Amino acid sequence: MSVSWTAYRRARRRSRQAWAVLATLTVFVAAGVAWFFTAGQFLAAEPAVSGPSEAPVFDATWMKPVVPPRPVPEGAALAALESLPVKGRAPKNDYDRSAFGQAWLDADRNGCDTRNDILRRDLADVVFSKGSKCKVASGMFLDPYVGARLTFRRGADSSKAVQIDHVVALGDAWQKGAAQLTAKQRQNLANDPLNLIAADGPANQEKSASDAASWLPKNKAVRCHYVARQISVKAAYGLWVTQAERDAMGRVLGSCPGQQTIIARLAE
């Protein structure tokens, strides 16, 4: 059977088109597999958790600002992320919590220690201990990390259910520039309301000293605020990020490119 030249060329063109389609599909499948075995499998396994999209920062009616070495840059959090230096982690073998000063000082000199300041800022229906205008005895709040409604009650055991999280963990900060800060600057970093959020105790324990590359809140609604807050703290205290951390922050902010840096405004 003979085949005309026109029919032959048509068959070859269809064959090339078929191979092009197959090659395109192969690329998409390979990309999908690569995504799944990097971030996808973890995102797919995450439970659907909803909750607040932000956490309180500052209440000028009774809090006083803690001054960082430099101001938080105003504008897009993505732009501030781009300005952060990228380096590897410094050794942690010489890290000691005491390098950041005594825990929960009255760093802003408003008459109340930092822990009670943050509890008062973040909780609703606050009740103070008898005879005190500072010591928070109980309160309720919608936790920003897990989206659960929690009750705080002061006590040897019950207090652990609600903890104060350092948004940029002090151990992480030590490995990324805080060791080079002055003792006063480290004390401010540990007590700055910008770097503190009342949170579910188990979630805070799970986070430990993790950065954004290894831990993010289960409540996805707050992740843009959380990452922007970490970037704001690191910019204000001259800390750096690792490449993996920067990539993780960029992925989160990719879903909210309009997210701004977080600033403790006196007028709030």
Protein backbone atom coordinates (compact mmCIF):
# COMPACT_ATOMS: atom_id res chain seq x y z
CA MET A 1 0.00 0.00 0.00
CA SER A 2 1.42 3.37 -1.01
CA VAL A 3 1.14 6.52 1.15
CA SER A 4 1.08 9.97 -0.34
CA TRP A 5 3.68 12.53 0.74
CA THR A 6 0.91 14.79 2.12
CA ALA A 7 -0.52 11.96 4.24
CA TYR A 8 2.96 11.09 5.47
CA ARG A 9 3.67 14.66 6.57
CA ARG A 10 0.28 14.88 8.28
CA ALA A 11 0.97 11.69 10.21
CA ARG A 12 4.40 12.94 11.27
CA ARG A 13 2.92 16.27 12.42
CA ARG A 14 0.30 14.46 14.51
CA SER A 15 2.99 12.25 15.97
CA ARG A 16 5.10 15.25 16.99
CA GLN A 17 2.05 16.92 18.55
CA ALA A 18 1.26 13.77 20.50
CA TRP A 19 4.83 13.56 21.79
CA ALA A 20 4.73 17.26 22.78
CA VAL A 21 1.52 16.71 24.74
CA LEU A 22 3.02 13.66 26.41
CA ALA A 23 6.20 15.58 27.32
CA THR A 24 4.14 18.43 28.83
CA LEU A 25 2.08 15.99 30.89
CA THR A 26 5.29 14.31 32.07
CA VAL A 27 6.68 17.65 33.26
CA PHE A 28 3.49 18.44 35.19
CA VAL A 29 3.40 14.98 36.78
CA ALA A 30 7.07 15.22 37.77
CA ALA A 31 6.50 18.68 39.28
CA GLY A 32 3.48 17.39 41.18
CA VAL A 33 5.42 14.45 42.56
CA ALA A 34 8.32 16.71 43.59
CA TRP A 35 5.91 19.11 45.34
CA PHE A 36 4.19 16.26 47.16
CA PHE A 37 7.41 14.81 48.53
CA THR A 38 8.62 18.23 49.71
CA ALA A 39 5.81 20.42 51.04
CA GLY A 40 2.71 18.73 49.65
CA GLN A 41 2.59 15.67 51.85
CA PHE A 42 2.85 17.83 54.95
CA LEU A 43 0.16 20.28 53.79
CA ALA A 44 -2.13 17.43 52.83
CA ALA A 45 -1.70 15.84 56.25
CA GLU A 46 -2.47 19.06 58.13
CA PRO A 47 -5.90 19.19 59.74
CA ALA A 48 -8.26 21.96 58.71
CA VAL A 49 -7.87 24.40 61.58
CA SER A 50 -9.35 27.87 61.63
CA GLY A 51 -8.99 30.67 64.12
CA PRO A 52 -7.86 34.30 64.47
CA SER A 53 -5.94 35.88 61.61
CA GLU A 54 -3.78 37.98 63.94
CA ALA A 55 -2.72 38.40 67.56
CA PRO A 56 -2.63 41.54 69.76
CA VAL A 57 0.53 43.64 69.71
CA PHE A 58 0.31 46.68 71.96
CA ASP A 59 -2.14 48.49 74.24
CA ALA A 60 -1.01 52.05 74.83
CA THR A 61 -3.54 52.63 77.61
CA TRP A 62 -1.33 50.82 80.12
CA MET A 63 1.69 49.38 78.30
CA LYS A 64 4.87 51.27 77.51
CA PRO A 65 7.03 50.49 74.47
CA VAL A 66 10.19 48.39 74.70
CA VAL A 67 12.71 50.03 72.38
CA PRO A 68 14.58 47.72 69.95
CA PRO A 69 17.98 48.62 68.44
CA ARG A 70 16.28 49.80 65.24
CA PRO A 71 12.70 50.52 64.16
CA VAL A 72 10.62 47.91 62.36
CA PRO A 73 10.62 48.83 58.66
CA GLU A 74 7.17 49.92 57.49
CA GLY A 75 5.69 48.39 54.38
CA ALA A 76 5.36 44.93 52.87
CA ALA A 77 6.63 42.04 54.97
CA LEU A 78 8.04 40.48 51.78
CA ALA A 79 10.21 43.54 51.24
CA ALA A 80 11.42 43.40 54.84
CA LEU A 81 12.19 39.70 54.38
CA GLU A 82 14.34 40.51 51.36
CA SER A 83 16.36 42.92 53.51
CA LEU A 84 17.26 40.31 56.15
CA PRO A 85 20.75 38.78 55.87
CA VAL A 86 20.88 35.08 54.99
CA LYS A 87 23.44 33.02 56.91
CA GLY A 88 23.85 29.64 58.53
CA ARG A 89 23.12 28.98 62.19
CA ALA A 90 25.80 29.85 64.70
CA PRO A 91 26.63 27.21 67.37
CA LYS A 92 24.14 26.82 70.20
CA ASN A 93 26.42 25.06 72.68
CA ASP A 94 27.02 28.33 74.56
CA TYR A 95 23.34 29.37 74.69
CA ASP A 96 21.93 30.14 78.12
CA ARG A 97 18.50 31.64 78.84
CA SER A 98 20.09 33.94 81.41
CA ALA A 99 21.85 35.77 78.55
CA PHE A 100 18.45 37.38 77.91
CA GLY A 101 18.09 38.59 81.48
CA GLN A 102 15.81 37.51 84.28
CA ALA A 103 12.60 35.99 82.97
CA TRP A 104 9.58 38.30 82.87
CA LEU A 105 11.06 41.53 84.10
CA ASP A 106 9.08 44.75 84.19
CA ALA A 107 11.04 45.78 81.11
CA ASP A 108 8.72 48.65 80.15
CA ARG A 109 8.62 49.99 83.73
CA ASN A 110 4.83 50.22 83.89
CA GLY A 111 4.73 48.52 87.29
CA CYS A 112 3.76 45.04 86.05
CA ASP A 113 5.99 42.17 84.90
CA THR A 114 5.98 41.20 81.24
CA ARG A 115 4.13 37.90 81.63
CA ASN A 116 1.17 39.57 83.30
CA ASP A 117 1.29 42.39 80.76
CA ILE A 118 0.89 39.88 77.92
CA LEU A 119 -1.84 37.92 79.68
CA ARG A 120 -3.75 41.14 80.27
CA ARG A 121 -3.23 42.20 76.64
CA ASP A 122 -4.30 38.89 75.08
CA LEU A 123 -7.05 37.59 77.38
CA ALA A 124 -10.67 38.65 77.63
CA ASP A 125 -12.74 38.82 80.83
CA VAL A 126 -9.54 39.27 82.83
CA VAL A 127 -9.79 38.84 86.60
CA PHE A 128 -6.87 40.04 88.74
CA SER A 129 -5.70 38.36 91.92
CA LYS A 130 -7.12 39.91 95.06
CA GLY A 131 -5.33 43.11 95.98
CA SER A 132 -3.35 43.30 92.71
CA LYS A 133 -3.70 45.47 89.62
CA CYS A 134 -1.14 43.40 87.71
CA LYS A 135 -1.36 39.71 88.59
CA VAL A 136 -3.82 38.02 86.22
CA ALA A 137 -5.79 35.28 87.98
CA SER A 138 -7.99 34.16 85.09
CA GLY A 139 -9.29 35.00 81.65
CA MET A 140 -10.35 33.51 78.32
CA PHE A 141 -9.08 33.82 74.76
CA LEU A 142 -9.25 32.31 71.29
CA ASP A 143 -5.78 30.87 70.84
CA PRO A 144 -4.15 32.08 67.59
CA TYR A 145 -2.00 28.97 67.08
CA VAL A 146 -4.57 26.17 67.29
CA GLY A 147 -7.81 28.12 67.03
CA ALA A 148 -9.21 26.73 70.29
CA ARG A 149 -11.04 28.72 72.95
CA LEU A 150 -8.95 28.43 76.10
CA THR A 151 -9.34 29.40 79.72
CA PHE A 152 -6.42 30.62 81.81
CA ARG A 153 -6.50 29.96 85.56
CA ARG A 154 -3.51 30.78 87.70
CA GLY A 155 -2.15 27.76 89.54
CA ALA A 156 0.84 25.46 89.84
CA ASP A 157 -0.55 23.12 87.17
CA SER A 158 -3.30 25.04 85.39
CA SER A 159 -1.06 27.96 84.35
CA LYS A 160 0.84 25.66 81.98
CA ALA A 161 -2.21 25.34 79.72
CA VAL A 162 -1.61 28.92 78.53
CA GLN A 163 1.99 29.97 77.96
CA ILE A 164 3.71 33.07 76.60
CA ASP A 165 5.46 32.25 73.34
CA HIS A 166 8.51 34.09 72.06
CA VAL A 167 7.54 34.52 68.39
CA VAL A 168 11.24 34.44 67.54
CA ALA A 169 12.40 31.80 70.01
CA LEU A 170 15.30 32.92 72.15
CA GLY A 171 17.34 29.84 71.23
CA ASP A 172 16.79 30.59 67.55
CA ALA A 173 17.64 34.26 68.09
CA TRP A 174 20.89 33.31 69.83
CA GLN A 175 22.02 31.33 66.78
CA LYS A 176 21.09 34.12 64.38
CA GLY A 177 22.70 37.23 65.78
CA ALA A 178 21.42 37.80 69.33
CA ALA A 179 24.74 36.67 70.78
CA GLN A 180 26.19 39.84 69.29
CA LEU A 181 23.63 42.13 70.94
CA THR A 182 24.24 43.91 74.23
CA ALA A 183 22.77 42.44 77.42
CA LYS A 184 20.16 45.23 77.49
CA GLN A 185 19.16 44.60 73.88
CA ARG A 186 18.75 40.87 74.55
CA GLN A 187 16.66 41.68 77.63
CA ASN A 188 14.42 43.88 75.48
CA LEU A 189 14.13 41.15 72.83
CA ALA A 190 12.91 38.70 75.49
CA ASN A 191 10.35 41.17 76.86
CA ASP A 192 9.24 43.07 73.76
CA PRO A 193 5.43 42.72 73.29
CA LEU A 194 6.07 42.47 69.54
CA ASN A 195 7.88 39.18 70.20
CA LEU A 196 5.34 37.76 72.66
CA ILE A 197 1.99 36.00 72.17
CA ALA A 198 -0.15 34.10 74.69
CA ALA A 199 -0.64 30.63 73.24
CA ASP A 200 -1.78 27.09 73.85
CA GLY A 201 0.79 25.45 76.13
CA PRO A 202 1.24 22.19 74.18
CA ALA A 203 1.59 24.12 70.89
CA ASN A 204 4.26 26.32 72.45
CA GLN A 205 6.12 23.26 73.74
CA GLU A 206 5.90 21.65 70.30
CA LYS A 207 7.36 24.75 68.67
CA SER A 208 10.26 24.97 71.16
CA ALA A 209 13.11 26.85 69.43
CA SER A 210 11.91 26.15 65.87
CA ASP A 211 11.94 28.72 63.10
CA ALA A 212 9.43 29.03 60.26
CA ALA A 213 11.20 26.31 58.25
CA SER A 214 10.32 23.64 60.83
CA TRP A 215 7.21 24.93 62.63
CA LEU A 216 4.14 26.99 61.73
CA PRO A 217 0.85 27.39 63.64
CA LYS A 218 -1.81 24.80 62.81
CA ASN A 219 -4.24 27.68 62.41
CA LYS A 220 -3.40 28.64 58.83
CA ALA A 221 -5.34 31.91 59.11
CA VAL A 222 -2.68 33.39 61.41
CA ARG A 223 0.40 32.25 59.49
CA CYS A 224 0.81 35.46 57.46
CA HIS A 225 0.66 37.56 60.63
CA TYR A 226 2.94 35.12 62.48
CA VAL A 227 5.62 35.12 59.78
CA ALA A 228 5.38 38.90 59.33
CA ARG A 229 5.82 39.26 63.09
CA GLN A 230 8.94 37.08 63.04
CA ILE A 231 10.35 39.15 60.18
CA SER A 232 9.54 42.37 62.04
CA VAL A 233 11.31 41.18 65.20
CA LYS A 234 14.36 40.01 63.28
CA ALA A 235 14.58 43.30 61.39
CA ALA A 236 14.23 45.33 64.60
CA TYR A 237 16.92 43.38 66.46
CA GLY A 238 19.34 42.87 63.56
CA LEU A 239 18.93 39.08 63.36
CA TRP A 240 19.39 36.95 60.27
CA VAL A 241 17.56 34.01 58.68
CA THR A 242 18.76 30.76 57.17
CA GLN A 243 18.03 30.03 53.51
CA ALA A 244 15.48 27.35 54.45
CA GLU A 245 13.78 29.78 56.84
CA ARG A 246 13.68 32.53 54.24
CA ASP A 247 12.20 30.13 51.67
CA ALA A 248 9.52 29.00 54.15
CA MET A 249 8.61 32.59 55.02
CA GLY A 250 8.44 33.48 51.34
CA ARG A 251 6.04 30.58 50.66
CA VAL A 252 3.71 31.72 53.44
CA LEU A 253 3.76 35.36 52.32
CA GLY A 254 3.21 34.26 48.72
CA SER A 255 -0.42 33.65 49.70
CA CYS A 256 -0.74 37.17 51.18
CA PRO A 257 1.64 39.50 49.28
CA GLY A 258 -0.11 42.53 50.80
CA GLN A 259 0.82 41.51 54.35
CA GLN A 260 2.53 44.40 56.14
CA THR A 261 5.19 44.29 58.82
CA ILE A 262 3.91 44.34 62.41
CA ILE A 263 4.52 47.53 64.36
CA ALA A 264 3.65 48.27 68.00
CA ARG A 265 1.94 51.60 67.44
CA LEU A 266 1.43 53.89 70.42
CA ALA A 267 -2.03 54.81 69.18
CA GLU A 268 -3.34 51.24 69.17
